[in-house]
Amino acid sequence: MPFLEARSLSKTYRNAEVPVPVLNDLELTVERGEMLAIVGPSGIGKSTLLHLLGGLDRPDTGTIRVADAEVSSMSNDELARFRNRNVGFVFQFHHLLPEFTATENVAMPGWIGRFDRDDALNKASALLAELGLEGRARHFPNQLSGGEQQRVAIARALLVDPLLFLADEPTGNLDLETSERVFDLMRECHVKRGLTSVIVTHNRDLAARCDRVFEMSAGVRG
C-alpha cells in the first residue's frame, strides 16, 4: 500500500462568483521513503495539490490518505493536530517571523504543539548546527542571507520529525549556486531521516535528481 494516496481529487476556486477549476479528478500515489518532484506550467495547480496533501486546504471531492490517516475526512481540529505533528512544510518564501531569532523560529512548531520550551529550543539548536548554521542561531531573519533563511525554514520543517516533508518551490527565490546547495541539503535530510518528500519545482534539473517526476498538465489526471 502506498504511503500517500490521493484519489479523484478535484478543486475549484470561486473568485467574484466565477468558478476557476484547478484540479480535476487527479490521482497520485507516493511510496514510503520516496522523493517525488511535481512539475508543470504555472497555474496548473501544483501548489494547490501540495496544500491539499498537507491538509492546508480541502478538496471539493476525492480522498487523501497519509500512512493510516485519512486526511480528507478529518475535522478542522484533527487536521490542525495532524499538520503540526506529521507534516513539515517549506515554502518559496520562508515565512520566518522577523521578531524571533533563527533558533526561536525553528522551535516554533514545538511550542505550538506544546512541547517543553527548553526541549524545543535544544532540538532547534541541534538542527541549525546540523544544517551548518550554528553560528547564526541568535541572528534574526533580516540578518541572514536568502539561502540561510531557507535553511532555517528547512530546520523548522524538520523539528517535529515529520512523516511527510512538503516543499513548494523551495529554491524559487535563490540563485543557481545557492539553489543547488539548498536542494543538496534537502536531499541529504530526506535520506538521513527516511522522509517521504514531495517537492514542487520549476527547475527541471533539480526535479530530475528526485526519485520520480510527476508531470501536471491541462486535461491530464496524473
N, C-alpha and C. Protein backbone atom coordinates (compact mmCIF):
# COMPACT_ATOMS: atom_id res chain seq x y z
N MET A 1 0.85 -1.20 0.00
CA MET A 1 0.00 0.00 0.00
C MET A 1 0.88 1.25 0.00
N PRO A 2 0.60 2.24 -0.88
CA PRO A 2 1.41 3.46 -0.91
C PRO A 2 1.34 4.20 0.42
N PHE A 3 2.40 4.94 0.72
CA PHE A 3 2.42 5.74 1.95
C PHE A 3 1.43 6.90 1.84
N LEU A 4 1.39 7.53 0.67
CA LEU A 4 0.47 8.64 0.42
C LEU A 4 -0.36 8.30 -0.81
N GLU A 5 -1.66 8.54 -0.69
CA GLU A 5 -2.55 8.18 -1.79
C GLU A 5 -3.64 9.24 -1.93
N ALA A 6 -3.72 9.86 -3.11
CA ALA A 6 -4.77 10.82 -3.41
C ALA A 6 -5.62 10.25 -4.54
N ARG A 7 -6.92 10.20 -4.34
CA ARG A 7 -7.82 9.59 -5.31
C ARG A 7 -8.91 10.58 -5.73
N SER A 8 -9.05 10.75 -7.03
CA SER A 8 -10.15 11.53 -7.63
C SER A 8 -10.25 12.94 -7.04
N LEU A 9 -9.10 13.60 -6.88
CA LEU A 9 -9.09 14.94 -6.29
C LEU A 9 -9.58 15.98 -7.29
N SER A 10 -10.53 16.78 -6.85
CA SER A 10 -10.99 17.92 -7.64
C SER A 10 -11.05 19.14 -6.73
N LYS A 11 -10.71 20.30 -7.30
CA LYS A 11 -10.74 21.55 -6.54
C LYS A 11 -11.05 22.70 -7.48
N THR A 12 -12.04 23.49 -7.11
CA THR A 12 -12.42 24.68 -7.87
C THR A 12 -12.47 25.87 -6.92
N TYR A 13 -11.82 26.96 -7.31
CA TYR A 13 -11.89 28.20 -6.55
C TYR A 13 -12.90 29.13 -7.19
N ARG A 14 -13.51 29.97 -6.37
CA ARG A 14 -14.51 30.91 -6.87
C ARG A 14 -14.09 32.33 -6.50
N ASN A 15 -13.71 33.08 -7.54
CA ASN A 15 -13.33 34.48 -7.36
C ASN A 15 -14.44 35.34 -7.95
N ALA A 16 -15.05 36.17 -7.10
CA ALA A 16 -16.18 37.01 -7.54
C ALA A 16 -17.24 36.16 -8.22
N GLU A 17 -17.49 34.99 -7.63
CA GLU A 17 -18.51 34.06 -8.11
C GLU A 17 -18.18 33.40 -9.45
N VAL A 18 -16.98 33.62 -9.95
CA VAL A 18 -16.56 32.97 -11.20
C VAL A 18 -15.77 31.72 -10.85
N PRO A 19 -16.27 30.53 -11.19
CA PRO A 19 -15.55 29.31 -10.83
C PRO A 19 -14.25 29.16 -11.62
N VAL A 20 -13.18 28.80 -10.91
CA VAL A 20 -11.87 28.58 -11.54
C VAL A 20 -11.44 27.15 -11.20
N PRO A 21 -11.70 26.19 -12.11
CA PRO A 21 -11.27 24.81 -11.85
C PRO A 21 -9.75 24.71 -11.82
N VAL A 22 -9.23 24.03 -10.82
CA VAL A 22 -7.78 23.89 -10.69
C VAL A 22 -7.36 22.43 -10.85
N LEU A 23 -8.01 21.54 -10.12
CA LEU A 23 -7.72 20.12 -10.22
C LEU A 23 -8.99 19.38 -10.62
N ASN A 24 -8.83 18.39 -11.49
CA ASN A 24 -9.98 17.64 -11.96
C ASN A 24 -9.69 16.15 -11.93
N ASP A 25 -10.22 15.47 -10.91
CA ASP A 25 -10.14 14.01 -10.83
C ASP A 25 -8.69 13.52 -10.85
N LEU A 26 -7.84 14.18 -10.08
CA LEU A 26 -6.41 13.86 -10.08
C LEU A 26 -6.12 12.64 -9.21
N GLU A 27 -5.19 11.81 -9.67
CA GLU A 27 -4.76 10.61 -8.96
C GLU A 27 -3.25 10.70 -8.70
N LEU A 28 -2.83 10.36 -7.49
CA LEU A 28 -1.41 10.40 -7.15
C LEU A 28 -1.11 9.42 -6.03
N THR A 29 -0.02 8.68 -6.17
CA THR A 29 0.48 7.84 -5.08
C THR A 29 1.96 8.13 -4.88
N VAL A 30 2.39 8.05 -3.63
CA VAL A 30 3.81 8.25 -3.28
C VAL A 30 4.20 7.13 -2.33
N GLU A 31 5.28 6.45 -2.63
CA GLU A 31 5.73 5.34 -1.79
C GLU A 31 6.50 5.87 -0.58
N ARG A 32 6.49 5.09 0.48
CA ARG A 32 7.24 5.45 1.68
C ARG A 32 8.73 5.60 1.34
N GLY A 33 9.32 6.69 1.78
CA GLY A 33 10.73 6.94 1.55
C GLY A 33 11.06 7.54 0.19
N GLU A 34 10.05 7.79 -0.63
CA GLU A 34 10.27 8.34 -1.97
C GLU A 34 10.41 9.85 -1.92
N MET A 35 11.23 10.42 -2.82
CA MET A 35 11.27 11.86 -3.04
C MET A 35 10.68 12.11 -4.42
N LEU A 36 9.51 12.72 -4.44
CA LEU A 36 8.77 12.96 -5.67
C LEU A 36 8.83 14.44 -6.04
N ALA A 37 9.14 14.73 -7.30
CA ALA A 37 9.08 16.09 -7.81
C ALA A 37 7.78 16.28 -8.59
N ILE A 38 7.10 17.38 -8.34
CA ILE A 38 5.91 17.75 -9.12
C ILE A 38 6.27 18.94 -9.99
N VAL A 39 6.09 18.79 -11.31
CA VAL A 39 6.43 19.85 -12.26
C VAL A 39 5.23 20.13 -13.15
N GLY A 40 5.29 21.24 -13.86
CA GLY A 40 4.22 21.63 -14.76
C GLY A 40 4.17 23.13 -14.89
N PRO A 41 3.41 23.65 -15.85
CA PRO A 41 3.36 25.10 -16.07
C PRO A 41 2.72 25.84 -14.91
N SER A 42 2.99 27.13 -14.82
CA SER A 42 2.40 27.97 -13.78
C SER A 42 0.88 27.96 -13.92
N GLY A 43 0.20 27.92 -12.78
CA GLY A 43 -1.25 27.96 -12.77
C GLY A 43 -1.94 26.63 -12.97
N ILE A 44 -1.15 25.55 -13.09
CA ILE A 44 -1.75 24.25 -13.36
C ILE A 44 -2.29 23.58 -12.10
N GLY A 45 -1.88 24.08 -10.92
CA GLY A 45 -2.41 23.54 -9.67
C GLY A 45 -1.41 22.81 -8.81
N LYS A 46 -0.12 23.00 -9.07
CA LYS A 46 0.91 22.29 -8.30
C LYS A 46 0.86 22.66 -6.82
N SER A 47 0.81 23.96 -6.53
CA SER A 47 0.76 24.40 -5.13
C SER A 47 -0.54 23.99 -4.48
N THR A 48 -1.64 24.07 -5.23
CA THR A 48 -2.93 23.63 -4.69
C THR A 48 -2.86 22.17 -4.28
N LEU A 49 -2.28 21.34 -5.13
CA LEU A 49 -2.14 19.92 -4.81
C LEU A 49 -1.32 19.74 -3.54
N LEU A 50 -0.22 20.46 -3.42
CA LEU A 50 0.63 20.32 -2.23
C LEU A 50 -0.13 20.73 -0.97
N HIS A 51 -0.89 21.80 -1.06
CA HIS A 51 -1.68 22.26 0.09
C HIS A 51 -2.73 21.23 0.49
N LEU A 52 -3.33 20.58 -0.48
CA LEU A 52 -4.31 19.53 -0.18
C LEU A 52 -3.64 18.34 0.50
N LEU A 53 -2.48 17.94 -0.01
CA LEU A 53 -1.78 16.79 0.56
C LEU A 53 -1.38 17.04 2.01
N GLY A 54 -1.02 18.29 2.32
CA GLY A 54 -0.58 18.62 3.67
C GLY A 54 -1.69 19.08 4.59
N GLY A 55 -2.93 19.08 4.11
CA GLY A 55 -4.03 19.47 4.97
C GLY A 55 -4.17 20.96 5.19
N LEU A 56 -3.54 21.79 4.35
CA LEU A 56 -3.73 23.23 4.44
C LEU A 56 -5.02 23.67 3.76
N ASP A 57 -5.55 22.83 2.91
CA ASP A 57 -6.80 23.10 2.22
C ASP A 57 -7.52 21.77 2.04
N ARG A 58 -8.77 21.83 1.65
CA ARG A 58 -9.56 20.61 1.47
C ARG A 58 -10.00 20.48 0.01
N PRO A 59 -10.05 19.26 -0.51
CA PRO A 59 -10.56 19.08 -1.87
C PRO A 59 -12.08 19.23 -1.89
N ASP A 60 -12.62 19.58 -3.03
CA ASP A 60 -14.08 19.58 -3.20
C ASP A 60 -14.60 18.14 -3.22
N THR A 61 -13.88 17.29 -3.93
CA THR A 61 -14.20 15.86 -3.98
C THR A 61 -12.91 15.07 -3.98
N GLY A 62 -13.00 13.82 -3.59
CA GLY A 62 -11.84 12.95 -3.57
C GLY A 62 -11.34 12.69 -2.16
N THR A 63 -10.35 11.81 -2.04
CA THR A 63 -9.82 11.42 -0.74
C THR A 63 -8.30 11.50 -0.73
N ILE A 64 -7.75 11.76 0.46
CA ILE A 64 -6.31 11.79 0.67
C ILE A 64 -5.99 10.95 1.89
N ARG A 65 -5.07 10.03 1.75
CA ARG A 65 -4.64 9.20 2.88
C ARG A 65 -3.13 9.31 3.02
N VAL A 66 -2.67 9.55 4.25
CA VAL A 66 -1.24 9.58 4.57
C VAL A 66 -1.00 8.55 5.65
N ALA A 67 -0.18 7.54 5.33
CA ALA A 67 0.01 6.40 6.24
C ALA A 67 -1.36 5.79 6.53
N ASP A 68 -1.75 5.73 7.79
CA ASP A 68 -3.05 5.15 8.12
C ASP A 68 -4.13 6.21 8.36
N ALA A 69 -3.82 7.46 8.08
CA ALA A 69 -4.75 8.56 8.37
C ALA A 69 -5.43 9.04 7.10
N GLU A 70 -6.75 9.08 7.12
CA GLU A 70 -7.50 9.65 6.00
C GLU A 70 -7.67 11.14 6.27
N VAL A 71 -6.79 11.92 5.67
CA VAL A 71 -6.71 13.36 5.94
C VAL A 71 -7.98 14.07 5.52
N SER A 72 -8.54 13.67 4.40
CA SER A 72 -9.67 14.40 3.84
C SER A 72 -10.94 14.29 4.66
N SER A 73 -11.01 13.36 5.60
CA SER A 73 -12.22 13.20 6.41
C SER A 73 -12.07 13.76 7.82
N MET A 74 -10.92 14.38 8.13
CA MET A 74 -10.67 14.90 9.47
C MET A 74 -11.46 16.17 9.74
N SER A 75 -11.79 16.39 11.00
CA SER A 75 -12.35 17.68 11.42
C SER A 75 -11.25 18.74 11.37
N ASN A 76 -11.62 19.99 11.50
CA ASN A 76 -10.63 21.07 11.48
C ASN A 76 -9.60 20.92 12.60
N ASP A 77 -10.05 20.55 13.80
CA ASP A 77 -9.13 20.37 14.92
C ASP A 77 -8.20 19.18 14.68
N GLU A 78 -8.76 18.09 14.19
CA GLU A 78 -7.93 16.91 13.89
C GLU A 78 -6.91 17.23 12.81
N LEU A 79 -7.32 18.01 11.82
CA LEU A 79 -6.42 18.37 10.73
C LEU A 79 -5.28 19.25 11.23
N ALA A 80 -5.59 20.18 12.12
CA ALA A 80 -4.54 21.04 12.68
C ALA A 80 -3.52 20.22 13.46
N ARG A 81 -4.00 19.26 14.26
CA ARG A 81 -3.08 18.40 15.02
C ARG A 81 -2.25 17.54 14.07
N PHE A 82 -2.88 17.02 13.04
CA PHE A 82 -2.16 16.18 12.07
C PHE A 82 -1.04 16.98 11.41
N ARG A 83 -1.34 18.21 10.97
CA ARG A 83 -0.31 19.03 10.32
C ARG A 83 0.85 19.30 11.27
N ASN A 84 0.52 19.67 12.50
CA ASN A 84 1.57 20.05 13.45
C ASN A 84 2.48 18.87 13.80
N ARG A 85 1.92 17.68 13.88
CA ARG A 85 2.68 16.53 14.35
C ARG A 85 3.31 15.70 13.23
N ASN A 86 2.80 15.83 12.01
CA ASN A 86 3.20 14.87 10.98
C ASN A 86 3.71 15.46 9.67
N VAL A 87 3.54 16.76 9.48
CA VAL A 87 3.89 17.36 8.19
C VAL A 87 4.87 18.50 8.38
N GLY A 88 5.95 18.49 7.60
CA GLY A 88 6.89 19.59 7.58
C GLY A 88 6.77 20.34 6.27
N PHE A 89 6.55 21.65 6.34
CA PHE A 89 6.36 22.49 5.15
C PHE A 89 7.56 23.41 4.95
N VAL A 90 7.97 23.55 3.67
CA VAL A 90 8.92 24.60 3.28
C VAL A 90 8.31 25.29 2.06
N PHE A 91 8.29 26.62 2.09
CA PHE A 91 7.68 27.39 1.01
C PHE A 91 8.73 28.20 0.27
N GLN A 92 8.34 28.74 -0.89
CA GLN A 92 9.25 29.59 -1.66
C GLN A 92 9.68 30.80 -0.83
N PHE A 93 8.71 31.41 -0.16
CA PHE A 93 9.00 32.50 0.77
C PHE A 93 9.06 31.88 2.16
N HIS A 94 10.16 32.07 2.84
CA HIS A 94 10.48 31.29 4.04
C HIS A 94 9.49 31.48 5.19
N HIS A 95 8.78 32.63 5.22
CA HIS A 95 7.78 32.90 6.26
C HIS A 95 8.36 32.80 7.67
N LEU A 96 9.60 33.26 7.84
CA LEU A 96 10.16 33.34 9.19
C LEU A 96 9.58 34.56 9.89
N LEU A 97 9.40 34.45 11.20
CA LEU A 97 8.86 35.55 11.98
C LEU A 97 9.99 36.53 12.31
N PRO A 98 9.88 37.78 11.87
CA PRO A 98 11.02 38.71 11.95
C PRO A 98 11.46 39.06 13.36
N GLU A 99 10.56 38.95 14.33
CA GLU A 99 10.90 39.37 15.70
C GLU A 99 11.51 38.24 16.51
N PHE A 100 11.70 37.07 15.90
CA PHE A 100 12.28 35.92 16.59
C PHE A 100 13.60 35.53 15.95
N THR A 101 14.51 35.00 16.77
CA THR A 101 15.80 34.54 16.25
C THR A 101 15.63 33.28 15.41
N ALA A 102 16.72 32.88 14.76
CA ALA A 102 16.68 31.64 13.97
C ALA A 102 16.27 30.46 14.83
N THR A 103 16.87 30.34 16.01
CA THR A 103 16.55 29.23 16.91
C THR A 103 15.09 29.26 17.32
N GLU A 104 14.58 30.43 17.65
CA GLU A 104 13.18 30.54 18.06
C GLU A 104 12.23 30.22 16.91
N ASN A 105 12.58 30.64 15.71
CA ASN A 105 11.76 30.31 14.55
C ASN A 105 11.69 28.80 14.34
N VAL A 106 12.82 28.13 14.48
CA VAL A 106 12.84 26.67 14.31
C VAL A 106 12.04 25.97 15.40
N ALA A 107 12.11 26.51 16.62
CA ALA A 107 11.40 25.91 17.76
C ALA A 107 9.90 26.12 17.72
N MET A 108 9.43 27.05 16.90
CA MET A 108 8.03 27.46 16.92
C MET A 108 7.03 26.31 16.78
N PRO A 109 7.22 25.36 15.83
CA PRO A 109 6.24 24.26 15.74
C PRO A 109 6.16 23.44 17.03
N GLY A 110 7.27 23.32 17.74
CA GLY A 110 7.26 22.61 19.00
C GLY A 110 6.46 23.35 20.06
N TRP A 111 6.62 24.66 20.10
CA TRP A 111 5.85 25.44 21.06
C TRP A 111 4.36 25.39 20.74
N ILE A 112 4.03 25.45 19.46
CA ILE A 112 2.62 25.35 19.06
C ILE A 112 2.06 23.98 19.45
N GLY A 113 2.91 22.96 19.31
CA GLY A 113 2.50 21.61 19.69
C GLY A 113 2.63 21.31 21.17
N ARG A 114 2.95 22.35 21.94
CA ARG A 114 3.04 22.25 23.40
C ARG A 114 4.16 21.32 23.87
N PHE A 115 5.28 21.33 23.12
CA PHE A 115 6.48 20.67 23.60
C PHE A 115 7.03 21.49 24.76
N ASP A 116 7.88 20.87 25.56
CA ASP A 116 8.60 21.63 26.58
C ASP A 116 9.44 22.71 25.88
N ARG A 117 9.37 23.93 26.40
CA ARG A 117 10.04 25.06 25.75
C ARG A 117 11.53 24.82 25.55
N ASP A 118 12.20 24.38 26.61
CA ASP A 118 13.64 24.18 26.51
C ASP A 118 13.99 23.01 25.60
N ASP A 119 13.18 21.96 25.63
CA ASP A 119 13.42 20.83 24.73
C ASP A 119 13.34 21.27 23.28
N ALA A 120 12.34 22.09 22.97
CA ALA A 120 12.18 22.58 21.60
C ALA A 120 13.36 23.45 21.19
N LEU A 121 13.82 24.30 22.10
CA LEU A 121 14.97 25.16 21.79
C LEU A 121 16.24 24.34 21.59
N ASN A 122 16.44 23.32 22.43
CA ASN A 122 17.63 22.48 22.30
C ASN A 122 17.62 21.72 20.98
N LYS A 123 16.45 21.20 20.62
CA LYS A 123 16.37 20.48 19.35
C LYS A 123 16.57 21.43 18.17
N ALA A 124 16.02 22.65 18.28
CA ALA A 124 16.20 23.65 17.23
C ALA A 124 17.67 23.98 17.05
N SER A 125 18.39 24.15 18.16
CA SER A 125 19.82 24.45 18.09
C SER A 125 20.59 23.33 17.41
N ALA A 126 20.23 22.08 17.74
CA ALA A 126 20.90 20.93 17.14
C ALA A 126 20.64 20.87 15.64
N LEU A 127 19.42 21.16 15.22
CA LEU A 127 19.09 21.14 13.79
C LEU A 127 19.84 22.24 13.04
N LEU A 128 19.92 23.43 13.63
CA LEU A 128 20.66 24.50 12.97
C LEU A 128 22.13 24.15 12.82
N ALA A 129 22.69 23.51 13.84
CA ALA A 129 24.09 23.09 13.76
C ALA A 129 24.26 22.04 12.67
N GLU A 130 23.32 21.12 12.58
CA GLU A 130 23.38 20.08 11.55
C GLU A 130 23.33 20.68 10.14
N LEU A 131 22.60 21.79 10.00
CA LEU A 131 22.46 22.42 8.69
C LEU A 131 23.50 23.53 8.47
N GLY A 132 24.51 23.55 9.32
CA GLY A 132 25.62 24.48 9.12
C GLY A 132 25.35 25.90 9.56
N LEU A 133 24.41 26.09 10.47
CA LEU A 133 24.02 27.44 10.88
C LEU A 133 24.25 27.68 12.37
N GLU A 134 25.13 26.91 12.99
CA GLU A 134 25.32 27.08 14.43
C GLU A 134 25.80 28.49 14.78
N GLY A 135 26.52 29.14 13.88
CA GLY A 135 26.99 30.49 14.13
C GLY A 135 25.96 31.56 13.87
N ARG A 136 24.78 31.16 13.39
CA ARG A 136 23.74 32.13 13.05
C ARG A 136 22.49 31.96 13.92
N ALA A 137 22.59 31.10 14.92
CA ALA A 137 21.41 30.72 15.71
C ALA A 137 20.73 31.90 16.38
N ARG A 138 21.51 32.90 16.80
CA ARG A 138 20.92 34.04 17.51
C ARG A 138 20.60 35.21 16.59
N HIS A 139 20.81 35.03 15.31
CA HIS A 139 20.53 36.09 14.35
C HIS A 139 19.04 36.13 14.01
N PHE A 140 18.58 37.32 13.66
CA PHE A 140 17.20 37.50 13.22
C PHE A 140 17.14 37.33 11.70
N PRO A 141 15.96 37.04 11.16
CA PRO A 141 15.86 36.76 9.72
C PRO A 141 16.47 37.83 8.83
N ASN A 142 16.32 39.11 9.19
CA ASN A 142 16.86 40.15 8.32
C ASN A 142 18.38 40.23 8.37
N GLN A 143 19.00 39.44 9.24
CA GLN A 143 20.46 39.37 9.32
C GLN A 143 21.01 38.15 8.58
N LEU A 144 20.13 37.41 7.93
CA LEU A 144 20.52 36.18 7.23
C LEU A 144 20.38 36.35 5.73
N SER A 145 21.21 35.64 4.98
CA SER A 145 21.08 35.63 3.52
C SER A 145 19.85 34.81 3.13
N GLY A 146 19.48 34.88 1.85
CA GLY A 146 18.34 34.12 1.38
C GLY A 146 18.52 32.62 1.57
N GLY A 147 19.71 32.12 1.28
CA GLY A 147 19.98 30.71 1.46
C GLY A 147 19.95 30.30 2.92
N GLU A 148 20.46 31.17 3.79
CA GLU A 148 20.43 30.88 5.23
C GLU A 148 19.00 30.87 5.75
N GLN A 149 18.20 31.81 5.29
CA GLN A 149 16.80 31.85 5.71
C GLN A 149 16.08 30.56 5.29
N GLN A 150 16.37 30.07 4.10
CA GLN A 150 15.69 28.86 3.66
C GLN A 150 16.20 27.64 4.43
N ARG A 151 17.45 27.64 4.83
CA ARG A 151 17.94 26.54 5.68
C ARG A 151 17.27 26.57 7.05
N VAL A 152 17.02 27.76 7.58
CA VAL A 152 16.26 27.87 8.84
C VAL A 152 14.86 27.30 8.63
N ALA A 153 14.24 27.61 7.49
CA ALA A 153 12.90 27.09 7.21
C ALA A 153 12.90 25.57 7.11
N ILE A 154 13.95 24.99 6.54
CA ILE A 154 14.06 23.53 6.46
C ILE A 154 14.19 22.95 7.87
N ALA A 155 15.03 23.56 8.69
CA ALA A 155 15.18 23.09 10.07
C ALA A 155 13.85 23.15 10.81
N ARG A 156 13.10 24.22 10.62
CA ARG A 156 11.78 24.35 11.25
C ARG A 156 10.85 23.22 10.80
N ALA A 157 10.90 22.89 9.52
CA ALA A 157 10.04 21.82 8.99
C ALA A 157 10.40 20.46 9.57
N LEU A 158 11.66 20.30 9.99
CA LEU A 158 12.12 19.01 10.49
C LEU A 158 11.95 18.86 12.01
N LEU A 159 11.58 19.92 12.69
CA LEU A 159 11.60 19.90 14.17
C LEU A 159 10.73 18.79 14.75
N VAL A 160 9.57 18.54 14.15
CA VAL A 160 8.64 17.57 14.73
C VAL A 160 8.85 16.15 14.19
N ASP A 161 9.99 15.93 13.49
CA ASP A 161 10.25 14.62 12.89
C ASP A 161 9.07 14.18 12.03
N PRO A 162 8.76 14.94 10.97
CA PRO A 162 7.53 14.71 10.21
C PRO A 162 7.53 13.39 9.45
N LEU A 163 6.33 12.83 9.28
CA LEU A 163 6.14 11.69 8.39
C LEU A 163 6.28 12.12 6.94
N LEU A 164 5.82 13.35 6.66
CA LEU A 164 5.74 13.86 5.29
C LEU A 164 6.40 15.22 5.21
N PHE A 165 7.31 15.38 4.24
CA PHE A 165 8.02 16.64 4.03
C PHE A 165 7.55 17.22 2.70
N LEU A 166 6.99 18.44 2.75
CA LEU A 166 6.43 19.08 1.56
C LEU A 166 7.15 20.40 1.32
N ALA A 167 7.59 20.62 0.08
CA ALA A 167 8.30 21.85 -0.26
C ALA A 167 7.73 22.44 -1.53
N ASP A 168 7.35 23.72 -1.47
CA ASP A 168 6.73 24.41 -2.60
C ASP A 168 7.72 25.44 -3.16
N GLU A 169 8.35 25.12 -4.28
CA GLU A 169 9.34 25.99 -4.92
C GLU A 169 10.39 26.45 -3.90
N PRO A 170 11.03 25.54 -3.19
CA PRO A 170 11.94 25.94 -2.11
C PRO A 170 13.19 26.68 -2.58
N THR A 171 13.51 26.58 -3.87
CA THR A 171 14.68 27.29 -4.40
C THR A 171 14.29 28.40 -5.36
N GLY A 172 12.99 28.73 -5.41
CA GLY A 172 12.50 29.67 -6.41
C GLY A 172 13.07 31.07 -6.31
N ASN A 173 13.47 31.49 -5.12
CA ASN A 173 13.99 32.85 -4.93
C ASN A 173 15.51 32.89 -4.77
N LEU A 174 16.17 31.78 -5.08
CA LEU A 174 17.60 31.69 -4.83
C LEU A 174 18.37 31.64 -6.14
N ASP A 175 19.62 32.11 -6.11
CA ASP A 175 20.46 31.99 -7.29
C ASP A 175 20.83 30.53 -7.53
N LEU A 176 21.41 30.25 -8.69
CA LEU A 176 21.66 28.87 -9.09
C LEU A 176 22.54 28.12 -8.10
N GLU A 177 23.65 28.73 -7.69
CA GLU A 177 24.57 28.06 -6.78
C GLU A 177 23.91 27.77 -5.43
N THR A 178 23.19 28.76 -4.90
CA THR A 178 22.51 28.57 -3.62
C THR A 178 21.40 27.54 -3.75
N SER A 179 20.70 27.55 -4.90
CA SER A 179 19.64 26.56 -5.14
C SER A 179 20.20 25.15 -5.06
N GLU A 180 21.36 24.95 -5.66
CA GLU A 180 21.98 23.63 -5.64
C GLU A 180 22.31 23.20 -4.22
N ARG A 181 22.84 24.13 -3.43
CA ARG A 181 23.21 23.80 -2.05
C ARG A 181 21.98 23.47 -1.22
N VAL A 182 20.92 24.25 -1.38
CA VAL A 182 19.70 24.02 -0.61
C VAL A 182 19.07 22.69 -1.01
N PHE A 183 19.05 22.39 -2.31
CA PHE A 183 18.48 21.11 -2.73
C PHE A 183 19.32 19.95 -2.21
N ASP A 184 20.64 20.07 -2.29
CA ASP A 184 21.51 19.01 -1.76
C ASP A 184 21.22 18.77 -0.29
N LEU A 185 20.97 19.84 0.44
CA LEU A 185 20.68 19.73 1.87
C LEU A 185 19.35 19.01 2.09
N MET A 186 18.34 19.36 1.31
CA MET A 186 17.05 18.69 1.44
C MET A 186 17.17 17.20 1.11
N ARG A 187 17.93 16.90 0.09
CA ARG A 187 18.11 15.50 -0.30
C ARG A 187 18.84 14.73 0.80
N GLU A 188 19.85 15.36 1.39
CA GLU A 188 20.59 14.73 2.48
C GLU A 188 19.69 14.46 3.68
N CYS A 189 18.86 15.45 4.03
CA CYS A 189 17.92 15.28 5.16
C CYS A 189 16.89 14.20 4.84
N HIS A 190 16.44 14.17 3.59
CA HIS A 190 15.47 13.16 3.17
C HIS A 190 16.01 11.75 3.38
N VAL A 191 17.24 11.54 2.94
CA VAL A 191 17.84 10.20 3.04
C VAL A 191 18.15 9.86 4.49
N LYS A 192 18.77 10.80 5.21
CA LYS A 192 19.20 10.55 6.58
C LYS A 192 18.03 10.23 7.49
N ARG A 193 16.91 10.90 7.28
CA ARG A 193 15.76 10.74 8.17
C ARG A 193 14.70 9.78 7.63
N GLY A 194 14.93 9.25 6.45
CA GLY A 194 13.95 8.33 5.88
C GLY A 194 12.61 9.00 5.60
N LEU A 195 12.66 10.25 5.13
CA LEU A 195 11.44 11.01 4.89
C LEU A 195 10.72 10.53 3.64
N THR A 196 9.45 10.86 3.56
CA THR A 196 8.72 10.81 2.31
C THR A 196 8.49 12.26 1.90
N SER A 197 9.01 12.64 0.74
CA SER A 197 9.06 14.06 0.37
C SER A 197 8.37 14.32 -0.96
N VAL A 198 7.66 15.43 -1.03
CA VAL A 198 7.04 15.88 -2.28
C VAL A 198 7.50 17.32 -2.50
N ILE A 199 8.15 17.56 -3.65
CA ILE A 199 8.77 18.84 -3.95
C ILE A 199 8.14 19.42 -5.21
N VAL A 200 7.53 20.60 -5.10
CA VAL A 200 7.06 21.33 -6.27
C VAL A 200 8.19 22.22 -6.76
N THR A 201 8.50 22.14 -8.06
CA THR A 201 9.60 22.94 -8.58
C THR A 201 9.42 23.23 -10.07
N HIS A 202 9.91 24.40 -10.50
CA HIS A 202 10.01 24.72 -11.92
C HIS A 202 11.37 24.30 -12.48
N ASN A 203 12.29 23.95 -11.61
CA ASN A 203 13.65 23.62 -12.02
C ASN A 203 13.72 22.15 -12.44
N ARG A 204 13.75 21.93 -13.72
CA ARG A 204 13.72 20.56 -14.25
C ARG A 204 15.00 19.79 -13.89
N ASP A 205 16.12 20.49 -13.78
CA ASP A 205 17.36 19.81 -13.42
C ASP A 205 17.28 19.27 -12.00
N LEU A 206 16.74 20.06 -11.08
CA LEU A 206 16.58 19.60 -9.71
C LEU A 206 15.53 18.49 -9.64
N ALA A 207 14.45 18.64 -10.41
CA ALA A 207 13.41 17.61 -10.41
C ALA A 207 13.96 16.26 -10.84
N ALA A 208 14.87 16.30 -11.81
CA ALA A 208 15.44 15.05 -12.33
C ALA A 208 16.28 14.32 -11.29
N ARG A 209 16.70 15.02 -10.25
CA ARG A 209 17.50 14.39 -9.20
C ARG A 209 16.64 13.76 -8.10
N CYS A 210 15.33 13.93 -8.21
CA CYS A 210 14.42 13.24 -7.29
C CYS A 210 14.23 11.80 -7.77
N ASP A 211 13.57 10.99 -6.98
CA ASP A 211 13.37 9.59 -7.33
C ASP A 211 12.39 9.43 -8.50
N ARG A 212 11.44 10.37 -8.59
CA ARG A 212 10.43 10.28 -9.64
C ARG A 212 9.87 11.66 -9.90
N VAL A 213 9.41 11.90 -11.13
CA VAL A 213 8.83 13.18 -11.52
C VAL A 213 7.37 12.96 -11.90
N PHE A 214 6.49 13.77 -11.31
CA PHE A 214 5.06 13.74 -11.60
C PHE A 214 4.73 14.99 -12.39
N GLU A 215 4.34 14.81 -13.65
CA GLU A 215 4.09 15.95 -14.55
C GLU A 215 2.61 16.30 -14.54
N MET A 216 2.30 17.57 -14.27
CA MET A 216 0.92 18.04 -14.31
C MET A 216 0.73 18.89 -15.57
N SER A 217 -0.36 18.63 -16.28
CA SER A 217 -0.67 19.42 -17.47
C SER A 217 -2.18 19.48 -17.64
N ALA A 218 -2.66 20.47 -18.37
CA ALA A 218 -4.10 20.68 -18.54
C ALA A 218 -4.73 19.46 -19.18
N GLY A 219 -5.81 18.99 -18.57
CA GLY A 219 -6.53 17.87 -19.14
C GLY A 219 -5.97 16.50 -18.79
N VAL A 220 -4.89 16.50 -18.00
CA VAL A 220 -4.27 15.22 -17.61
C VAL A 220 -4.54 14.98 -16.13
N ARG A 221 -5.01 13.80 -15.78
CA ARG A 221 -5.34 13.49 -14.41
C ARG A 221 -4.13 13.12 -13.58
N GLY A 222 -3.06 12.69 -14.17
CA GLY A 222 -1.86 12.29 -13.44
C GLY A 222 -1.72 10.80 -13.33
